[in-house]
Protein backbone atom coordinates (compact mmCIF):
# COMPACT_ATOMS: atom_id res chain seq x y z
CA MET A 1 -15.10 -48.68 53.35
CA GLY A 2 -17.73 -50.79 55.03
CA GLY A 3 -17.17 -53.37 58.00
CA VAL A 4 -13.86 -53.68 59.96
CA SER A 5 -11.32 -51.22 59.91
CA SER A 6 -7.87 -51.92 58.43
CA MET A 7 -6.46 -50.34 60.98
CA SER A 8 -7.94 -53.26 63.32
CA LYS A 9 -5.62 -55.73 61.09
CA ILE A 10 -2.69 -54.37 63.24
CA SER A 11 -2.45 -58.48 64.42
CA HIS A 12 -0.01 -58.95 66.22
CA LEU A 13 0.78 -55.44 67.66
CA GLU A 14 -1.08 -53.96 70.86
CA SER A 15 -2.43 -50.75 68.88
CA PHE A 16 -2.26 -48.60 66.13
CA ALA A 17 0.42 -46.16 68.66
CA GLU A 18 3.05 -49.27 68.80
CA LEU A 19 4.35 -48.10 65.77
CA PRO A 20 6.87 -45.78 64.97
CA PRO A 21 6.10 -42.67 64.28
CA SER A 22 7.15 -42.93 61.01
CA ALA A 23 5.02 -45.80 60.06
CA GLN A 24 2.14 -44.21 61.63
CA LEU A 25 3.12 -41.50 58.99
CA VAL A 26 2.87 -44.64 56.18
CA TYR A 27 -0.02 -46.40 56.80
CA ARG A 28 -2.13 -42.52 57.06
CA ALA A 29 -0.88 -41.87 54.04
CA LEU A 30 -1.84 -45.20 52.55
CA GLU A 31 -5.40 -45.22 53.82
CA THR A 32 -5.52 -42.47 52.38
CA ASP A 33 -4.16 -42.61 48.63
CA SER A 34 -4.02 -46.68 47.77
CA PRO A 35 -1.34 -47.67 45.98
CA LEU A 36 1.74 -45.27 46.38
CA SER A 37 5.44 -46.33 44.74
CA LEU A 38 7.94 -44.92 47.74
CA GLN A 39 9.49 -41.82 45.46
CA SER A 40 5.45 -40.73 45.89
CA ILE A 41 5.23 -42.01 49.88
CA CYS A 42 8.27 -39.68 50.45
CA GLU A 43 6.54 -36.66 48.49
CA GLN A 44 3.39 -37.40 50.30
CA THR A 45 4.76 -37.50 53.84
CA GLY A 46 7.99 -35.89 53.61
CA LEU A 47 10.47 -38.93 54.60
CA VAL A 48 13.73 -39.45 53.22
CA GLU A 49 13.89 -43.09 51.13
CA SER A 50 15.40 -44.64 54.09
CA THR A 51 13.11 -43.52 56.46
CA ALA A 52 10.23 -44.69 54.13
CA ARG A 53 12.08 -47.69 53.87
CA TYR A 54 12.18 -48.63 57.46
CA ALA A 55 8.36 -47.91 58.12
CA LEU A 56 7.25 -49.72 54.99
CA GLY A 57 9.81 -53.02 56.76
CA HIS A 58 7.65 -52.38 59.96
CA LEU A 59 3.87 -51.93 58.04
CA SER A 60 4.85 -55.67 56.35
CA ALA A 61 6.36 -57.02 59.73
CA ALA A 62 2.58 -56.63 61.12
CA GLU A 63 0.56 -57.89 57.60
CA VAL A 64 -0.93 -54.85 56.29
CA LEU A 65 0.70 -54.16 54.22
CA VAL A 66 0.37 -55.98 50.13
CA SER A 67 3.08 -55.26 47.31
CA ARG A 68 3.40 -55.47 43.62
CA PRO A 69 4.77 -54.83 41.12
CA ASP A 70 4.57 -51.36 39.07
CA PRO A 71 2.83 -52.36 35.73
CA VAL A 72 3.90 -48.78 34.32
CA ASP A 73 7.65 -49.61 35.50
CA ALA A 74 8.18 -53.52 36.66
CA ARG A 75 11.61 -51.54 37.85
CA GLN A 76 8.78 -49.94 40.87
CA ARG A 77 6.70 -51.69 43.72
CA LEU A 78 3.27 -50.20 44.77
CA TYR A 79 2.42 -50.43 48.48
CA GLU A 80 -1.13 -50.39 49.64
CA ILE A 81 -3.35 -51.76 53.07
CA ASP A 82 -4.28 -55.50 53.15
CA SER A 83 -8.04 -54.66 53.67
């Protein structure tokens, strides 16, 4: 990956450390393996679904998250870091 780190895209936060620990965990999972479904995020991080949704909400508010329908199952969404 060249150029600016995707972590620098967390625009309105003073630092990555301001994110809740669950959002940091989900962010790292998405940096490593992306895109992921909510179920895959839960499996990789060990978070329960409600906590993973909470984390995704924080990443979305920080404007670093992109989601789109899963082409295999349109009922699901896939999440990735906006690079």
